[in-house]
Amino acid sequence: MDKNIFIDIGAHVGNHSLYFSKYCYEIHSFEPNLNLVKKFKENIVVNNLYNIMVHDLGLGDTTKKLEFYFSVGCNQGTGSFVKNHSYNNKKEMLNISVSDFLFYIDGQKDI
């Protein structure tokens, strides 16, 4: 297997990461919603995978905490950092980070 690296931004419960795990040497998945991160990690264990690293934060142009507005209904993947995205009043402060410091993978690869 080549040393391909896959980056999954907004990974949800890991559908894309799980699929690409058989084609990539290393996967970095980013998901700020801790409810989804928990399910994603369960999916990794169930599938007996070891090449997926889950980062429980979102990526942005600054490092900070932002209000995240959870989705209405059963599709948890439609939450947003945009206010008034949905009529759901449930919100939580989630971590956002600048991505540059995270990518010193196998030395200093350009991503």
N, C-alpha and C. Protein backbone atom coordinates (compact mmCIF):
# COMPACT_ATOMS: atom_id res chain seq x y z
N MET A 1 0.85 -1.18 0.00
CA MET A 1 0.00 0.00 0.00
C MET A 1 0.89 1.24 0.00
N ASP A 2 0.59 2.17 -0.87
CA ASP A 2 1.30 3.44 -0.87
C ASP A 2 1.03 4.16 0.44
N LYS A 3 1.83 5.16 0.73
CA LYS A 3 1.63 5.92 1.96
C LYS A 3 0.71 7.12 1.69
N ASN A 4 -0.45 6.83 1.10
CA ASN A 4 -1.44 7.87 0.85
C ASN A 4 -2.07 8.30 2.16
N ILE A 5 -2.36 9.60 2.24
CA ILE A 5 -3.01 10.16 3.42
C ILE A 5 -4.34 10.76 2.98
N PHE A 6 -5.39 10.39 3.67
CA PHE A 6 -6.72 10.92 3.38
C PHE A 6 -7.13 11.83 4.53
N ILE A 7 -7.70 12.98 4.21
CA ILE A 7 -8.17 13.92 5.22
C ILE A 7 -9.67 14.08 5.06
N ASP A 8 -10.40 13.79 6.12
CA ASP A 8 -11.86 13.85 6.11
C ASP A 8 -12.29 14.99 7.03
N ILE A 9 -12.74 16.08 6.44
CA ILE A 9 -13.13 17.27 7.21
C ILE A 9 -14.65 17.30 7.29
N GLY A 10 -15.15 17.32 8.53
CA GLY A 10 -16.58 17.18 8.75
C GLY A 10 -16.94 15.71 8.61
N ALA A 11 -16.24 14.89 9.36
CA ALA A 11 -16.27 13.44 9.16
C ALA A 11 -17.58 12.76 9.55
N HIS A 12 -18.42 13.43 10.31
CA HIS A 12 -19.69 12.86 10.76
C HIS A 12 -19.40 11.57 11.51
N VAL A 13 -19.98 10.44 11.14
CA VAL A 13 -19.73 9.17 11.84
C VAL A 13 -18.69 8.32 11.12
N GLY A 14 -18.02 8.91 10.12
CA GLY A 14 -16.87 8.26 9.51
C GLY A 14 -17.11 7.48 8.23
N ASN A 15 -18.24 7.66 7.57
CA ASN A 15 -18.51 6.86 6.37
C ASN A 15 -17.37 6.92 5.35
N HIS A 16 -16.92 8.12 5.02
CA HIS A 16 -15.85 8.25 4.01
C HIS A 16 -14.52 7.72 4.54
N SER A 17 -14.22 8.02 5.79
CA SER A 17 -12.97 7.53 6.37
C SER A 17 -12.93 6.01 6.42
N LEU A 18 -14.04 5.40 6.81
CA LEU A 18 -14.10 3.94 6.87
C LEU A 18 -13.88 3.33 5.49
N TYR A 19 -14.51 3.91 4.48
CA TYR A 19 -14.34 3.40 3.12
C TYR A 19 -12.89 3.52 2.65
N PHE A 20 -12.31 4.72 2.82
CA PHE A 20 -10.96 4.96 2.32
C PHE A 20 -9.87 4.30 3.17
N SER A 21 -10.22 3.77 4.32
CA SER A 21 -9.22 3.14 5.18
C SER A 21 -8.54 1.95 4.50
N LYS A 22 -9.23 1.31 3.57
CA LYS A 22 -8.62 0.16 2.88
C LYS A 22 -7.71 0.59 1.73
N TYR A 23 -7.74 1.87 1.37
CA TYR A 23 -6.93 2.37 0.26
C TYR A 23 -5.82 3.31 0.70
N CYS A 24 -5.85 3.75 1.94
CA CYS A 24 -4.89 4.74 2.42
C CYS A 24 -4.10 4.21 3.61
N TYR A 25 -2.88 4.66 3.67
CA TYR A 25 -1.99 4.29 4.77
C TYR A 25 -2.43 4.95 6.07
N GLU A 26 -2.89 6.19 5.97
CA GLU A 26 -3.22 6.97 7.17
C GLU A 26 -4.39 7.90 6.85
N ILE A 27 -5.30 8.01 7.82
CA ILE A 27 -6.47 8.88 7.66
C ILE A 27 -6.57 9.79 8.87
N HIS A 28 -6.78 11.08 8.59
CA HIS A 28 -7.02 12.07 9.63
C HIS A 28 -8.43 12.61 9.42
N SER A 29 -9.28 12.38 10.42
CA SER A 29 -10.68 12.75 10.32
C SER A 29 -10.99 13.82 11.37
N PHE A 30 -11.68 14.86 10.94
CA PHE A 30 -12.00 16.00 11.81
C PHE A 30 -13.50 16.11 11.96
N GLU A 31 -13.95 16.11 13.22
CA GLU A 31 -15.37 16.25 13.52
C GLU A 31 -15.51 16.92 14.88
N PRO A 32 -16.10 18.12 14.94
CA PRO A 32 -16.21 18.83 16.21
C PRO A 32 -17.36 18.37 17.11
N ASN A 33 -18.35 17.71 16.54
CA ASN A 33 -19.53 17.29 17.30
C ASN A 33 -19.19 16.01 18.07
N LEU A 34 -19.05 16.13 19.39
CA LEU A 34 -18.61 15.00 20.21
C LEU A 34 -19.58 13.82 20.20
N ASN A 35 -20.87 14.08 19.97
CA ASN A 35 -21.83 12.98 19.85
C ASN A 35 -21.51 12.13 18.63
N LEU A 36 -21.13 12.78 17.53
CA LEU A 36 -20.77 12.05 16.32
C LEU A 36 -19.41 11.38 16.46
N VAL A 37 -18.48 12.04 17.15
CA VAL A 37 -17.14 11.46 17.37
C VAL A 37 -17.27 10.14 18.12
N LYS A 38 -18.14 10.10 19.10
CA LYS A 38 -18.33 8.87 19.88
C LYS A 38 -18.78 7.73 18.97
N LYS A 39 -19.77 7.99 18.12
CA LYS A 39 -20.28 6.97 17.21
C LYS A 39 -19.20 6.58 16.19
N PHE A 40 -18.45 7.56 15.70
CA PHE A 40 -17.37 7.32 14.75
C PHE A 40 -16.34 6.37 15.36
N LYS A 41 -15.93 6.64 16.59
CA LYS A 41 -14.94 5.78 17.26
C LYS A 41 -15.48 4.37 17.46
N GLU A 42 -16.78 4.24 17.73
CA GLU A 42 -17.40 2.91 17.82
C GLU A 42 -17.31 2.20 16.47
N ASN A 43 -17.53 2.93 15.38
CA ASN A 43 -17.45 2.34 14.04
C ASN A 43 -16.03 1.86 13.72
N ILE A 44 -15.04 2.58 14.20
CA ILE A 44 -13.65 2.18 13.99
C ILE A 44 -13.36 0.87 14.71
N VAL A 45 -13.82 0.76 15.95
CA VAL A 45 -13.60 -0.47 16.74
C VAL A 45 -14.33 -1.65 16.09
N VAL A 46 -15.59 -1.46 15.74
CA VAL A 46 -16.39 -2.53 15.13
C VAL A 46 -15.73 -3.05 13.86
N ASN A 47 -15.11 -2.15 13.10
CA ASN A 47 -14.47 -2.52 11.84
C ASN A 47 -12.99 -2.91 12.00
N ASN A 48 -12.51 -2.92 13.24
CA ASN A 48 -11.14 -3.35 13.54
C ASN A 48 -10.10 -2.58 12.72
N LEU A 49 -10.21 -1.25 12.72
CA LEU A 49 -9.31 -0.40 11.93
C LEU A 49 -8.31 0.30 12.84
N TYR A 50 -7.10 0.50 12.31
CA TYR A 50 -6.04 1.12 13.09
C TYR A 50 -5.37 2.29 12.39
N ASN A 51 -5.80 2.63 11.20
CA ASN A 51 -5.15 3.70 10.45
C ASN A 51 -5.96 4.99 10.41
N ILE A 52 -6.98 5.10 11.25
CA ILE A 52 -7.81 6.32 11.29
C ILE A 52 -7.55 7.05 12.61
N MET A 53 -7.16 8.32 12.50
CA MET A 53 -7.00 9.18 13.66
C MET A 53 -8.14 10.20 13.66
N VAL A 54 -8.93 10.18 14.71
CA VAL A 54 -10.06 11.09 14.82
C VAL A 54 -9.64 12.29 15.65
N HIS A 55 -9.80 13.48 15.08
CA HIS A 55 -9.50 14.74 15.78
C HIS A 55 -10.85 15.38 16.10
N ASP A 56 -11.14 15.51 17.39
CA ASP A 56 -12.46 16.02 17.80
C ASP A 56 -12.47 17.55 17.83
N LEU A 57 -12.30 18.11 16.65
CA LEU A 57 -12.36 19.57 16.49
C LEU A 57 -12.66 19.89 15.04
N GLY A 58 -13.11 21.12 14.83
CA GLY A 58 -13.32 21.61 13.47
C GLY A 58 -12.08 22.34 13.01
N LEU A 59 -11.99 22.61 11.73
CA LEU A 59 -10.86 23.35 11.18
C LEU A 59 -11.32 24.74 10.76
N GLY A 60 -10.46 25.72 11.00
CA GLY A 60 -10.80 27.09 10.63
C GLY A 60 -9.56 27.93 10.47
N ASP A 61 -9.76 29.23 10.37
CA ASP A 61 -8.62 30.13 10.17
C ASP A 61 -8.05 30.66 11.47
N THR A 62 -8.69 30.35 12.60
CA THR A 62 -8.17 30.73 13.92
C THR A 62 -8.50 29.61 14.91
N THR A 63 -7.80 29.60 16.03
CA THR A 63 -8.08 28.64 17.08
C THR A 63 -9.00 29.32 18.09
N LYS A 64 -10.18 28.74 18.31
CA LYS A 64 -11.17 29.34 19.21
C LYS A 64 -12.29 28.34 19.47
N LYS A 65 -13.22 28.74 20.30
CA LYS A 65 -14.45 27.97 20.50
C LYS A 65 -15.57 28.75 19.83
N LEU A 66 -16.44 28.03 19.11
CA LEU A 66 -17.58 28.64 18.44
C LEU A 66 -18.86 27.95 18.86
N GLU A 67 -19.96 28.71 18.82
CA GLU A 67 -21.25 28.10 19.08
C GLU A 67 -21.63 27.22 17.91
N PHE A 68 -21.98 25.97 18.22
CA PHE A 68 -22.42 25.02 17.21
C PHE A 68 -23.91 24.79 17.44
N TYR A 69 -24.69 24.90 16.38
CA TYR A 69 -26.14 24.73 16.45
C TYR A 69 -26.49 23.34 15.92
N PHE A 70 -27.04 22.51 16.80
CA PHE A 70 -27.36 21.14 16.43
C PHE A 70 -28.54 21.10 15.47
N SER A 71 -28.57 20.05 14.67
CA SER A 71 -29.61 19.90 13.66
C SER A 71 -30.93 19.48 14.28
N VAL A 72 -31.99 19.69 13.52
CA VAL A 72 -33.32 19.25 13.91
C VAL A 72 -33.56 17.91 13.22
N GLY A 73 -34.13 16.96 13.92
CA GLY A 73 -34.43 15.67 13.30
C GLY A 73 -33.32 14.67 13.51
N CYS A 74 -33.39 13.60 12.72
CA CYS A 74 -32.48 12.48 12.95
C CYS A 74 -31.13 12.63 12.25
N ASN A 75 -30.98 13.51 11.27
CA ASN A 75 -29.70 13.66 10.58
C ASN A 75 -28.81 14.63 11.34
N GLN A 76 -27.95 14.10 12.20
CA GLN A 76 -27.09 14.93 13.03
C GLN A 76 -25.99 15.61 12.23
N GLY A 77 -25.80 15.22 10.99
CA GLY A 77 -24.76 15.79 10.16
C GLY A 77 -25.09 17.13 9.56
N THR A 78 -26.27 17.66 9.85
CA THR A 78 -26.65 18.94 9.27
C THR A 78 -26.54 20.09 10.27
N GLY A 79 -25.87 19.87 11.39
CA GLY A 79 -25.63 20.96 12.33
C GLY A 79 -24.72 22.00 11.70
N SER A 80 -24.61 23.16 12.35
CA SER A 80 -23.87 24.26 11.72
C SER A 80 -23.32 25.22 12.76
N PHE A 81 -22.26 25.93 12.38
CA PHE A 81 -21.75 27.04 13.19
C PHE A 81 -22.47 28.33 12.83
N VAL A 82 -23.37 28.28 11.85
CA VAL A 82 -24.11 29.46 11.41
C VAL A 82 -25.36 29.61 12.26
N LYS A 83 -25.50 30.76 12.91
CA LYS A 83 -26.66 31.03 13.75
C LYS A 83 -27.91 31.03 12.88
N ASN A 84 -29.01 30.58 13.43
CA ASN A 84 -30.30 30.48 12.74
C ASN A 84 -30.27 29.46 11.60
N HIS A 85 -29.31 28.57 11.63
CA HIS A 85 -29.24 27.50 10.63
C HIS A 85 -30.48 26.61 10.72
N SER A 86 -30.95 26.39 11.92
CA SER A 86 -32.15 25.59 12.12
C SER A 86 -32.95 26.22 13.26
N TYR A 87 -34.10 25.68 13.48
CA TYR A 87 -34.94 26.21 14.56
C TYR A 87 -34.66 25.53 15.89
N ASN A 88 -33.68 24.69 15.91
CA ASN A 88 -33.29 24.01 17.13
C ASN A 88 -32.52 24.99 18.01
N ASN A 89 -32.91 25.13 19.23
CA ASN A 89 -32.21 26.04 20.14
C ASN A 89 -31.03 25.38 20.84
N LYS A 90 -30.83 24.09 20.61
CA LYS A 90 -29.73 23.40 21.27
C LYS A 90 -28.42 23.81 20.63
N LYS A 91 -27.53 24.35 21.46
CA LYS A 91 -26.21 24.73 20.96
C LYS A 91 -25.17 24.40 22.01
N GLU A 92 -23.93 24.36 21.56
CA GLU A 92 -22.82 24.01 22.43
C GLU A 92 -21.57 24.67 21.88
N MET A 93 -20.63 24.99 22.75
CA MET A 93 -19.35 25.55 22.31
C MET A 93 -18.44 24.41 21.90
N LEU A 94 -17.97 24.44 20.64
CA LEU A 94 -17.09 23.40 20.14
C LEU A 94 -15.76 23.99 19.70
N ASN A 95 -14.72 23.17 19.72
CA ASN A 95 -13.37 23.63 19.39
C ASN A 95 -13.13 23.73 17.89
N ILE A 96 -12.52 24.84 17.50
CA ILE A 96 -12.07 25.07 16.13
C ILE A 96 -10.57 25.33 16.23
N SER A 97 -9.82 24.80 15.27
CA SER A 97 -8.38 24.96 15.33
C SER A 97 -7.82 25.28 13.95
N VAL A 98 -6.73 26.00 13.93
CA VAL A 98 -5.98 26.23 12.69
C VAL A 98 -5.32 24.90 12.34
N SER A 99 -5.42 24.50 11.10
CA SER A 99 -4.96 23.16 10.72
C SER A 99 -3.47 23.03 10.55
N ASP A 100 -2.74 24.10 10.32
CA ASP A 100 -1.32 24.00 9.96
C ASP A 100 -0.50 23.18 10.95
N PHE A 101 -0.72 23.36 12.26
CA PHE A 101 0.12 22.68 13.24
C PHE A 101 -0.15 21.18 13.29
N LEU A 102 -1.26 20.73 12.76
CA LEU A 102 -1.61 19.32 12.85
C LEU A 102 -0.91 18.45 11.81
N PHE A 103 -0.34 19.07 10.79
CA PHE A 103 0.13 18.28 9.67
C PHE A 103 1.63 18.19 9.52
N TYR A 104 2.26 17.70 10.55
CA TYR A 104 3.66 17.32 10.45
C TYR A 104 3.68 15.80 10.49
N ILE A 105 3.11 15.23 9.46
CA ILE A 105 2.92 13.79 9.37
C ILE A 105 4.10 13.19 8.60
N ASP A 106 4.70 12.15 9.16
CA ASP A 106 5.87 11.52 8.51
C ASP A 106 6.91 12.56 8.13
N GLY A 107 7.31 13.37 9.06
CA GLY A 107 8.24 14.46 8.74
C GLY A 107 7.42 15.70 8.43
N GLN A 108 7.80 16.42 7.42
CA GLN A 108 7.07 17.63 7.07
C GLN A 108 6.53 17.53 5.66
N LYS A 109 5.35 16.95 5.55
CA LYS A 109 4.70 16.84 4.25
C LYS A 109 3.86 18.07 3.99
N ASP A 110 3.83 18.47 2.78
CA ASP A 110 2.93 19.56 2.38
C ASP A 110 1.55 18.96 2.11
N ILE A 111 0.56 19.60 2.67
CA ILE A 111 -0.80 19.13 2.45
C ILE A 111 -1.60 20.28 1.90
